[in-house]
Amino acid sequence: MLLKLFFFSFLSICIRFGLCNLICRQCGHAVTNSAALKNVWSPHALYNYNMTILAKETMVQVFRNPADETFHVISVNGADLKFAGQSYHQDTWFPGLKWTTCVCSKCGHHMGWYFENDKDNFVGLVLEYVVSSHYADSILRVPAS
């Protein structure tokens, strides 16, 4: 019981100070943290919904690209990712912003897109491609006997 209480106290401190991470679901690399979560609305979203991510109410937007693929996307201020390819203005989900594909800086798995113009920039992460570090830790622990 005391161990559970300690874990939940640690978790709340971790989240409050932005120490909990979203990690690449493919390789476990830390991509961003709770302090970076931000809500950026797009008129091109098919729909959106709210979800609690790292104890923060976060807007998830659903987009479809020209290849008819659907993505659930969250927005963050900064992420440890690499650009893959060039920037494009066409087919952007955020009017006035160009986009560049982003991949995990460790394993190269597609993670989302970097959106930018002269005044603003953020990363749109595909929700299905990340998992919270505290969730990953909880499923990787050997249960106490």
C-alpha atoms as a PDB file:
ATOM      1  CA  MET A   1       0.000   0.000   0.000  1.00  0.00           C
ATOM      2  CA  LEU A   2       2.772   2.417   0.923  1.00  0.00           C
ATOM      3  CA  LEU A   3       4.557   1.619  -2.353  1.00  0.00           C
ATOM      4  CA  LYS A   4       1.416   2.458  -4.361  1.00  0.00           C
ATOM      5  CA  LEU A   5       1.030   5.745  -2.501  1.00  0.00           C
ATOM      6  CA  PHE A   6       4.684   6.593  -3.179  1.00  0.00           C
ATOM      7  CA  PHE A   7       4.248   5.744  -6.887  1.00  0.00           C
ATOM      8  CA  PHE A   8       1.171   7.972  -7.275  1.00  0.00           C
ATOM      9  CA  SER A   9       2.837  10.830  -5.348  1.00  0.00           C
ATOM     10  CA  PHE A  10       5.895  10.529  -7.577  1.00  0.00           C
ATOM     11  CA  LEU A  11       3.674  10.427 -10.644  1.00  0.00           C
ATOM     12  CA  SER A  12       1.823  13.622  -9.686  1.00  0.00           C
ATOM     13  CA  ILE A  13       5.126  15.453  -9.064  1.00  0.00           C
ATOM     14  CA  CYS A  14       6.514  14.107 -12.311  1.00  0.00           C
ATOM     15  CA  ILE A  15       3.516  15.370 -14.278  1.00  0.00           C
ATOM     16  CA  ARG A  16       3.262  18.734 -12.484  1.00  0.00           C
ATOM     17  CA  PHE A  17       6.852  19.649 -13.356  1.00  0.00           C
ATOM     18  CA  GLY A  18       6.822  18.291 -16.901  1.00  0.00           C
ATOM     19  CA  LEU A  19       9.123  15.377 -16.114  1.00  0.00           C
ATOM     20  CA  CYS A  20       6.890  12.660 -17.546  1.00  0.00           C
ATOM     21  CA  ASN A  21       7.545  11.897 -21.163  1.00  0.00           C
ATOM     22  CA  LEU A  22       5.756  10.747 -24.233  1.00  0.00           C
ATOM     23  CA  ILE A  23       7.995   8.119 -25.775  1.00  0.00           C
ATOM     24  CA  CYS A  24       8.242   6.526 -29.208  1.00  0.00           C
ATOM     25  CA  ARG A  25       6.056   3.427 -29.186  1.00  0.00           C
ATOM     26  CA  GLN A  26       8.538   1.745 -31.540  1.00  0.00           C
ATOM     27  CA  CYS A  27      11.810   2.148 -29.581  1.00  0.00           C
ATOM     28  CA  GLY A  28      11.058   3.921 -26.256  1.00  0.00           C
ATOM     29  CA  HIS A  29      13.012   7.102 -27.049  1.00  0.00           C
ATOM     30  CA  ALA A  30      11.778  10.155 -25.071  1.00  0.00           C
ATOM     31  CA  VAL A  31      10.095  12.420 -27.632  1.00  0.00           C
ATOM     32  CA  THR A  32       8.555  15.212 -25.524  1.00  0.00           C
ATOM     33  CA  ASN A  33       7.194  15.933 -22.038  1.00  0.00           C
ATOM     34  CA  SER A  34       3.969  17.026 -20.378  1.00  0.00           C
ATOM     35  CA  ALA A  35       5.052  20.689 -20.191  1.00  0.00           C
ATOM     36  CA  ALA A  36       5.227  20.816 -24.002  1.00  0.00           C
ATOM     37  CA  LEU A  37       1.601  19.814 -24.630  1.00  0.00           C
ATOM     38  CA  LYS A  38      -0.370  22.620 -26.306  1.00  0.00           C
ATOM     39  CA  ASN A  39      -3.729  22.930 -28.022  1.00  0.00           C
ATOM     40  CA  VAL A  40      -3.640  24.282 -31.586  1.00  0.00           C
ATOM     41  CA  TRP A  41      -6.998  24.238 -33.357  1.00  0.00           C
ATOM     42  CA  SER A  42      -7.354  23.560 -37.089  1.00  0.00           C
ATOM     43  CA  PRO A  43     -10.400  24.229 -39.271  1.00  0.00           C
ATOM     44  CA  HIS A  44      -9.364  21.238 -41.416  1.00  0.00           C
ATOM     45  CA  ALA A  45      -9.827  18.613 -38.701  1.00  0.00           C
ATOM     46  CA  LEU A  46     -12.527  16.061 -39.459  1.00  0.00           C
ATOM     47  CA  TYR A  47     -13.400  16.296 -35.755  1.00  0.00           C
ATOM     48  CA  ASN A  48     -11.669  16.725 -32.415  1.00  0.00           C
ATOM     49  CA  TYR A  49     -12.040  15.425 -28.887  1.00  0.00           C
ATOM     50  CA  ASN A  50     -10.410  15.989 -25.510  1.00  0.00           C
ATOM     51  CA  MET A  51      -8.246  13.394 -23.822  1.00  0.00           C
ATOM     52  CA  THR A  52      -6.242  13.464 -20.620  1.00  0.00           C
ATOM     53  CA  ILE A  53      -2.610  12.963 -21.616  1.00  0.00           C
ATOM     54  CA  LEU A  54       0.025  13.038 -18.866  1.00  0.00           C
ATOM     55  CA  ALA A  55      -2.668  14.443 -16.537  1.00  0.00           C
ATOM     56  CA  LYS A  56      -3.295  17.404 -18.864  1.00  0.00           C
ATOM     57  CA  GLU A  57      -6.527  17.967 -20.794  1.00  0.00           C
ATOM     58  CA  THR A  58      -5.374  17.841 -24.411  1.00  0.00           C
ATOM     59  CA  MET A  59      -7.204  18.376 -27.692  1.00  0.00           C
ATOM     60  CA  VAL A  60      -6.838  15.518 -30.165  1.00  0.00           C
ATOM     61  CA  GLN A  61      -7.689  16.357 -33.768  1.00  0.00           C
ATOM     62  CA  VAL A  62      -8.450  13.825 -36.454  1.00  0.00           C
ATOM     63  CA  PHE A  63      -7.111  14.514 -39.949  1.00  0.00           C
ATOM     64  CA  ARG A  64      -7.153  12.715 -43.288  1.00  0.00           C
ATOM     65  CA  ASN A  65      -4.331  13.173 -45.779  1.00  0.00           C
ATOM     66  CA  PRO A  66      -4.602  13.028 -49.595  1.00  0.00           C
ATOM     67  CA  ALA A  67      -3.621   9.323 -49.482  1.00  0.00           C
ATOM     68  CA  ASP A  68      -6.835   8.747 -47.456  1.00  0.00           C
ATOM     69  CA  GLU A  69      -4.916   7.878 -44.265  1.00  0.00           C
ATOM     70  CA  THR A  70      -6.450   9.074 -40.990  1.00  0.00           C
ATOM     71  CA  PHE A  71      -4.372  10.354 -38.058  1.00  0.00           C
ATOM     72  CA  HIS A  72      -5.268  11.368 -34.488  1.00  0.00           C
ATOM     73  CA  VAL A  73      -2.891  14.268 -33.784  1.00  0.00           C
ATOM     74  CA  ILE A  74      -1.825  16.181 -30.654  1.00  0.00           C
ATOM     75  CA  SER A  75       0.220  19.395 -30.693  1.00  0.00           C
ATOM     76  CA  VAL A  76       3.406  20.036 -28.716  1.00  0.00           C
ATOM     77  CA  ASN A  77       5.945  22.830 -28.337  1.00  0.00           C
ATOM     78  CA  GLY A  78       9.099  20.991 -29.288  1.00  0.00           C
ATOM     79  CA  ALA A  79      10.067  17.361 -29.583  1.00  0.00           C
ATOM     80  CA  ASP A  80      13.267  15.379 -29.992  1.00  0.00           C
ATOM     81  CA  LEU A  81      12.659  14.395 -33.614  1.00  0.00           C
ATOM     82  CA  LYS A  82      14.456  14.675 -36.956  1.00  0.00           C
ATOM     83  CA  PHE A  83      13.116  16.240 -40.140  1.00  0.00           C
ATOM     84  CA  ALA A  84      12.612  13.864 -43.049  1.00  0.00           C
ATOM     85  CA  GLY A  85      12.476  15.585 -46.416  1.00  0.00           C
ATOM     86  CA  GLN A  86      11.503  19.088 -47.406  1.00  0.00           C
ATOM     87  CA  SER A  87       8.799  21.488 -46.240  1.00  0.00           C
ATOM     88  CA  TYR A  88       5.488  21.787 -48.086  1.00  0.00           C
ATOM     89  CA  HIS A  89       2.773  24.433 -48.208  1.00  0.00           C
ATOM     90  CA  GLN A  90       0.224  22.321 -50.107  1.00  0.00           C
ATOM     91  CA  ASP A  91      -2.234  20.074 -48.312  1.00  0.00           C
ATOM     92  CA  THR A  92      -1.470  21.632 -44.913  1.00  0.00           C
ATOM     93  CA  TRP A  93      -3.919  21.023 -42.087  1.00  0.00           C
ATOM     94  CA  PHE A  94      -3.047  24.382 -40.525  1.00  0.00           C
ATOM     95  CA  PRO A  95      -3.685  27.328 -42.886  1.00  0.00           C
ATOM     96  CA  GLY A  96      -0.647  29.568 -43.347  1.00  0.00           C
ATOM     97  CA  LEU A  97       1.774  26.961 -41.967  1.00  0.00           C
ATOM     98  CA  LYS A  98       4.093  24.748 -43.988  1.00  0.00           C
ATOM     99  CA  TRP A  99       4.809  21.214 -42.814  1.00  0.00           C
ATOM    100  CA  THR A 100       7.759  18.850 -42.707  1.00  0.00           C
ATOM    101  CA  THR A 101       7.578  15.139 -41.891  1.00  0.00           C
ATOM    102  CA  CYS A 102       9.250  14.206 -38.580  1.00  0.00           C
ATOM    103  CA  VAL A 103      10.706  10.879 -37.517  1.00  0.00           C
ATOM    104  CA  CYS A 104      12.033   9.538 -34.219  1.00  0.00           C
ATOM    105  CA  SER A 105      15.622  10.690 -33.795  1.00  0.00           C
ATOM    106  CA  LYS A 106      16.604   7.226 -32.522  1.00  0.00           C
ATOM    107  CA  CYS A 107      14.794   4.648 -34.691  1.00  0.00           C
ATOM    108  CA  GLY A 108      13.545   6.722 -37.648  1.00  0.00           C
ATOM    109  CA  HIS A 109       9.873   5.744 -37.217  1.00  0.00           C
ATOM    110  CA  HIS A 110       7.389   8.333 -38.541  1.00  0.00           C
ATOM    111  CA  MET A 111       6.098  10.382 -35.579  1.00  0.00           C
ATOM    112  CA  GLY A 112       4.266  13.360 -37.101  1.00  0.00           C
ATOM    113  CA  TRP A 113       4.902  16.751 -38.669  1.00  0.00           C
ATOM    114  CA  TYR A 114       6.595  20.039 -37.853  1.00  0.00           C
ATOM    115  CA  PHE A 115       4.343  23.011 -38.699  1.00  0.00           C
ATOM    116  CA  GLU A 116       5.812  26.487 -39.062  1.00  0.00           C
ATOM    117  CA  ASN A 117       5.570  30.011 -40.407  1.00  0.00           C
ATOM    118  CA  ASP A 118       7.330  33.261 -39.465  1.00  0.00           C
ATOM    119  CA  LYS A 119       5.264  33.648 -36.271  1.00  0.00           C
ATOM    120  CA  ASP A 120       4.525  30.183 -34.933  1.00  0.00           C
ATOM    121  CA  ASN A 121       5.775  26.606 -34.902  1.00  0.00           C
ATOM    122  CA  PHE A 122       4.810  23.347 -33.226  1.00  0.00           C
ATOM    123  CA  VAL A 123       4.910  19.610 -33.752  1.00  0.00           C
ATOM    124  CA  GLY A 124       1.848  17.528 -34.532  1.00  0.00           C
ATOM    125  CA  LEU A 125       2.424  14.063 -33.047  1.00  0.00           C
ATOM    126  CA  VAL A 126       0.437  11.038 -34.157  1.00  0.00           C
ATOM    127  CA  LEU A 127      -1.205   9.823 -30.959  1.00  0.00           C
ATOM    128  CA  GLU A 128      -0.931   6.137 -31.927  1.00  0.00           C
ATOM    129  CA  TYR A 129       2.859   6.453 -32.307  1.00  0.00           C
ATOM    130  CA  VAL A 130       3.572   7.585 -28.717  1.00  0.00           C
ATOM    131  CA  VAL A 131       2.948   6.196 -25.250  1.00  0.00           C
ATOM    132  CA  SER A 132       3.499   7.760 -21.838  1.00  0.00           C
ATOM    133  CA  SER A 133       6.691   6.751 -20.066  1.00  0.00           C
ATOM    134  CA  HIS A 134       4.865   6.020 -16.803  1.00  0.00           C
ATOM    135  CA  TYR A 135       2.474   3.673 -18.627  1.00  0.00           C
ATOM    136  CA  ALA A 136       5.385   1.895 -20.303  1.00  0.00           C
ATOM    137  CA  ASP A 137       7.095   1.538 -16.938  1.00  0.00           C
ATOM    138  CA  SER A 138       3.948   0.068 -15.384  1.00  0.00           C
ATOM    139  CA  ILE A 139       3.624  -2.691 -17.991  1.00  0.00           C
ATOM    140  CA  LEU A 140       7.308  -3.538 -17.940  1.00  0.00           C
ATOM    141  CA  ARG A 141       7.591  -4.028 -14.157  1.00  0.00           C
ATOM    142  CA  VAL A 142       7.677  -7.513 -12.747  1.00  0.00           C
ATOM    143  CA  PRO A 143       4.735  -7.843 -10.345  1.00  0.00           C
ATOM    144  CA  ALA A 144       5.555  -8.205  -6.670  1.00  0.00           C
ATOM    145  CA  SER A 145       5.019 -11.714  -5.355  1.00  0.00           C
END
